[in-house]
């Protein structure tokens, strides 16, 4: 019999997921960044399976809402890069401590933000997308934060294109992760029950983000992307110092 969280734990978990879903639905990424560290403290069983299932719900809703902006070619090239990046990330985990790797990822993201402010303007070309996909796979595997590299490539695009494309990219990666969890026995009734606990937060966050996204789309998409990426890097570094 699957063990459900207490009512207080369920409310707390759903609330933090609502906050993360609001950020992701408005900016394009950020759900795992905001929610995963807190969910582990509330109930370790809510990560990774239930969190991934809930994330798929959020991604599906975002794809439906922002479907007109999806850059299918960009999704394809990013996935091409994601595969080797994930493999490299798996080997890196075995060779480097998790703390050092997370700190390194944080520094890399900060450098990327700085380069975006004063460096050359990135465009979503096959070369930049494959490179971003590799970095996303590496970062996602080693630190669970794989959104910034792809988001940086699309930072000058419209909010609808950014969110729709990122959601499609994450959907492919999320399905791959769930398949992997199934084969190692980490995807079953308990995970489905945990996802059901998180689902209300996803719905609330999506509705809130649908109100906020049009405001960000009024010329603030790039600022939102860079601010969220910088926050992701800061959180990674703070975790290692605490």
Protein backbone atom coordinates (compact mmCIF):
# COMPACT_ATOMS: atom_id res chain seq x y z
CA UNK A 1 0.00 0.00 0.00
CA UNK A 2 1.40 3.39 -1.01
CA UNK A 3 2.06 5.68 1.94
CA UNK A 4 0.66 9.20 1.50
CA UNK A 5 2.18 12.32 3.10
CA UNK A 6 0.36 13.88 6.06
CA UNK A 7 -2.13 16.65 5.30
CA UNK A 8 0.30 19.32 6.49
CA UNK A 9 3.11 17.86 4.36
CA UNK A 10 0.82 17.60 1.34
CA UNK A 11 -0.25 21.25 1.66
CA UNK A 12 3.34 22.40 2.07
CA UNK A 13 4.51 20.33 -0.90
CA UNK A 14 1.68 21.52 -3.13
CA UNK A 15 2.36 25.14 -2.14
CA UNK A 16 6.06 25.06 -3.03
CA UNK A 17 5.24 23.30 -6.31
CA UNK A 18 2.71 26.07 -7.06
CA UNK A 19 5.46 28.64 -6.60
CA UNK A 20 7.86 26.71 -8.84
CA UNK A 21 5.18 26.16 -11.48
CA UNK A 22 4.41 29.88 -11.48
CA UNK A 23 8.06 30.69 -12.19
CA UNK A 24 8.36 28.05 -14.90
CA UNK A 25 5.08 28.93 -16.57
CA UNK A 26 6.06 32.59 -16.74
CA UNK A 27 9.77 32.35 -17.56
CA UNK A 28 10.14 28.91 -19.17
CA UNK A 29 12.11 27.05 -16.48
CA UNK A 30 12.46 27.02 -12.70
CA UNK A 31 10.05 24.37 -11.37
CA UNK A 32 12.72 21.92 -10.22
CA UNK A 33 14.99 24.77 -9.14
CA UNK A 34 12.38 26.14 -6.72
CA UNK A 35 10.54 23.00 -5.64
CA UNK A 36 12.95 20.04 -5.59
CA UNK A 37 15.23 21.18 -2.70
CA UNK A 38 12.22 21.88 -0.47
CA UNK A 39 10.33 18.72 -1.43
CA UNK A 40 13.30 16.61 -0.35
CA UNK A 41 13.02 18.17 3.11
CA UNK A 42 9.23 17.72 3.31
CA UNK A 43 9.17 14.12 2.10
CA UNK A 44 12.11 12.47 0.28
CA UNK A 45 9.69 10.16 -1.54
CA UNK A 46 8.33 13.12 -3.52
CA UNK A 47 11.60 13.29 -5.50
CA UNK A 48 12.41 12.34 -8.21
CA UNK A 49 9.47 10.28 -9.53
CA UNK A 50 6.45 12.29 -8.28
CA UNK A 51 8.21 15.55 -9.10
CA UNK A 52 8.92 14.38 -12.65
CA UNK A 53 5.34 13.23 -13.21
CA UNK A 54 4.01 16.54 -11.90
CA UNK A 55 6.48 18.37 -14.12
CA UNK A 56 5.12 16.52 -17.17
CA UNK A 57 1.66 17.86 -16.34
CA UNK A 58 3.08 21.39 -16.20
CA UNK A 59 4.95 20.88 -19.46
CA UNK A 60 1.87 19.56 -21.21
CA UNK A 61 -0.19 22.56 -20.12
CA UNK A 62 2.56 24.95 -21.22
CA UNK A 63 2.93 23.27 -24.61
CA UNK A 64 -0.82 23.56 -25.14
CA UNK A 65 -0.87 27.24 -24.14
CA UNK A 66 2.27 28.29 -26.05
CA UNK A 67 2.03 25.81 -28.93
CA UNK A 68 2.23 28.55 -31.58
CA UNK A 69 5.75 29.46 -30.50
CA UNK A 70 7.32 25.98 -30.45
CA UNK A 71 10.53 25.83 -32.51
CA UNK A 72 10.54 22.16 -33.49
CA UNK A 73 13.92 22.31 -35.20
CA UNK A 74 15.38 23.84 -32.06
CA UNK A 75 13.92 21.07 -29.92
CA UNK A 76 15.45 18.47 -32.23
CA UNK A 77 18.95 19.96 -32.20
CA UNK A 78 18.83 20.46 -28.43
CA UNK A 79 17.88 16.81 -27.87
CA UNK A 80 20.78 15.74 -30.12
CA UNK A 81 23.12 17.56 -27.75
CA UNK A 82 21.32 16.45 -24.60
CA UNK A 83 22.06 12.76 -25.13
CA UNK A 84 25.90 12.95 -25.08
CA UNK A 85 25.73 15.63 -22.39
CA UNK A 86 23.78 13.26 -20.16
CA UNK A 87 26.30 10.48 -20.71
CA UNK A 88 29.21 12.80 -19.91
CA UNK A 89 27.37 14.00 -16.82
CA UNK A 90 26.97 10.43 -15.60
CA UNK A 91 30.72 9.83 -15.92
CA UNK A 92 31.50 13.17 -14.24
CA UNK A 93 29.37 12.20 -11.24
CA UNK A 94 31.49 9.10 -10.82
CA UNK A 95 34.77 11.03 -11.00
CA UNK A 96 33.98 14.31 -9.19
CA UNK A 97 32.20 14.89 -5.88
CA UNK A 98 28.63 16.18 -6.14
CA UNK A 99 29.48 19.28 -4.09
CA UNK A 100 32.34 20.32 -6.35
CA UNK A 101 30.32 19.65 -9.49
CA UNK A 102 27.34 21.69 -8.28
CA UNK A 103 29.64 24.59 -7.37
CA UNK A 104 31.28 24.39 -10.80
CA UNK A 105 27.88 24.43 -12.50
CA UNK A 106 26.93 27.51 -10.49
CA UNK A 107 30.07 29.34 -11.61
CA UNK A 108 29.49 28.34 -15.25
CA UNK A 109 25.93 29.69 -15.18
CA UNK A 110 27.11 32.97 -13.67
CA UNK A 111 29.75 33.30 -16.40
CA UNK A 112 27.07 32.61 -19.02
CA UNK A 113 24.88 35.36 -17.57
CA UNK A 114 27.79 37.82 -17.61
CA UNK A 115 28.68 36.90 -21.20
CA UNK A 116 25.04 37.36 -22.19
CA UNK A 117 25.09 40.89 -20.82
CA UNK A 118 28.35 41.99 -22.43
CA UNK A 119 29.27 39.31 -24.95
CA UNK A 120 28.08 38.40 -28.45
CA UNK A 121 24.38 37.86 -29.04
CA UNK A 122 23.42 34.18 -29.17
CA UNK A 123 21.06 32.91 -31.85
CA UNK A 124 19.21 29.57 -31.93
CA UNK A 125 21.33 27.96 -34.67
CA UNK A 126 22.06 24.21 -34.92
CA UNK A 127 25.54 24.78 -33.48
CA UNK A 128 24.43 26.83 -30.47
CA UNK A 129 21.48 24.52 -29.79
CA UNK A 130 23.58 21.34 -29.85
CA UNK A 131 26.15 23.00 -27.57
CA UNK A 132 23.38 24.18 -25.23
CA UNK A 133 21.87 20.70 -25.29
CA UNK A 134 25.20 19.17 -24.25
CA UNK A 135 25.51 21.64 -21.37
CA UNK A 136 21.90 21.06 -20.39
CA UNK A 137 22.43 17.30 -20.26
CA UNK A 138 25.62 17.71 -18.24
CA UNK A 139 24.09 20.18 -15.80
CA UNK A 140 20.78 18.36 -15.52
CA UNK A 141 22.49 15.07 -14.73
CA UNK A 142 24.93 16.51 -12.20
CA UNK A 143 22.80 19.19 -10.50
CA UNK A 144 19.14 18.71 -11.64
CA UNK A 145 19.25 22.21 -13.18
CA UNK A 146 19.30 21.87 -16.96
CA UNK A 147 17.19 24.82 -18.07
CA UNK A 148 19.60 27.79 -18.20
CA UNK A 149 21.70 26.76 -21.26
CA UNK A 150 18.69 26.39 -23.59
CA UNK A 151 16.97 29.44 -22.13
CA UNK A 152 20.10 31.55 -22.75
CA UNK A 153 20.02 30.66 -26.45
CA UNK A 154 16.37 31.78 -26.70
CA UNK A 155 16.67 34.83 -24.42
CA UNK A 156 16.20 37.25 -27.34
CA UNK A 157 13.17 35.39 -28.73
CA UNK A 158 9.54 36.03 -27.78
CA UNK A 159 8.25 34.68 -24.50
CA UNK A 160 5.85 32.35 -26.29
CA UNK A 161 8.67 30.84 -28.36
CA UNK A 162 10.94 30.52 -25.34
CA UNK A 163 8.35 28.82 -23.12
CA UNK A 164 6.88 26.59 -25.81
CA UNK A 165 10.27 25.38 -27.04
CA UNK A 166 11.70 24.82 -23.57
CA UNK A 167 8.60 22.91 -22.49
CA UNK A 168 8.85 20.63 -25.53
CA UNK A 169 12.56 20.03 -24.88
CA UNK A 170 11.95 19.27 -21.20
CA UNK A 171 9.06 16.96 -22.08
CA UNK A 172 11.38 14.72 -24.11
CA UNK A 173 13.94 14.68 -21.30
CA UNK A 174 11.27 14.06 -18.67
CA UNK A 175 9.86 11.05 -20.49
CA UNK A 176 13.36 9.62 -20.86
CA UNK A 177 13.96 10.08 -17.12
CA UNK A 178 10.67 8.38 -16.20
CA UNK A 179 11.48 5.42 -18.43
CA UNK A 180 14.84 5.11 -16.68
CA UNK A 181 13.15 5.28 -13.25
CA UNK A 182 10.72 2.55 -14.31
CA UNK A 183 13.54 0.19 -15.23
CA UNK A 184 15.25 0.70 -11.85
CA UNK A 185 12.03 0.17 -9.90
CA UNK A 186 11.52 3.80 -8.86
CA UNK A 187 8.23 4.42 -10.69
CA UNK A 188 5.12 2.78 -9.26
CA UNK A 189 1.99 3.36 -7.21
CA UNK A 190 3.81 5.36 -4.52
CA UNK A 191 5.17 7.78 -7.13
CA UNK A 192 1.76 8.14 -8.77
CA UNK A 193 0.17 8.94 -5.40
CA UNK A 194 2.92 11.46 -4.70
CA UNK A 195 2.33 13.10 -8.08
CA UNK A 196 -1.40 13.36 -7.27
CA UNK A 197 -0.46 15.27 -4.11
CA UNK A 198 1.60 17.74 -6.17
CA UNK A 199 -0.90 18.12 -9.04
CA UNK A 200 -3.08 20.83 -7.39
CA UNK A 201 0.02 22.99 -6.97
CA UNK A 202 0.85 22.53 -10.65
CA UNK A 203 -2.62 23.66 -11.69
CA UNK A 204 -2.56 26.70 -9.40
CA UNK A 205 0.93 27.66 -10.59
CA UNK A 206 -0.03 27.29 -14.24
CA UNK A 207 -3.07 29.53 -13.81
CA UNK A 208 -1.01 32.16 -11.98
CA UNK A 209 1.74 32.03 -14.61
CA UNK A 210 -0.82 32.57 -17.36
CA UNK A 211 -1.58 35.92 -15.73
CA UNK A 212 2.07 36.85 -15.25
CA UNK A 213 3.47 35.67 -18.60
CA UNK A 214 1.78 38.40 -20.70
CA UNK A 215 3.35 41.02 -18.42
CA UNK A 216 6.83 39.51 -18.85
CA UNK A 217 6.27 39.30 -22.61
CA UNK A 218 6.10 43.10 -22.78
CA UNK A 219 9.82 43.38 -23.35
CA UNK A 220 10.98 41.72 -20.13
CA UNK A 221 11.63 38.16 -21.30
CA UNK A 222 15.41 38.50 -21.47
CA UNK A 223 15.62 40.09 -18.03
CA UNK A 224 13.45 37.31 -16.56
CA UNK A 225 15.61 34.59 -18.15
CA UNK A 226 18.89 36.08 -16.94
CA UNK A 227 17.53 36.77 -13.45
CA UNK A 228 16.21 33.21 -13.08
CA UNK A 229 19.46 31.72 -14.40
CA UNK A 230 21.47 33.86 -11.98
CA UNK A 231 19.19 32.78 -9.13
CA UNK A 232 19.75 29.13 -10.08
CA UNK A 233 23.51 29.63 -9.93
CA UNK A 234 23.28 31.47 -6.62
CA UNK A 235 21.19 28.70 -5.05
CA UNK A 236 23.70 26.07 -6.15
CA UNK A 237 26.59 28.01 -4.64
CA UNK A 238 24.73 28.78 -1.40
CA UNK A 239 23.95 25.09 -0.94
CA UNK A 240 27.63 24.27 -1.05
CA UNK A 241 28.54 27.01 1.44
CA UNK A 242 25.80 26.14 3.95
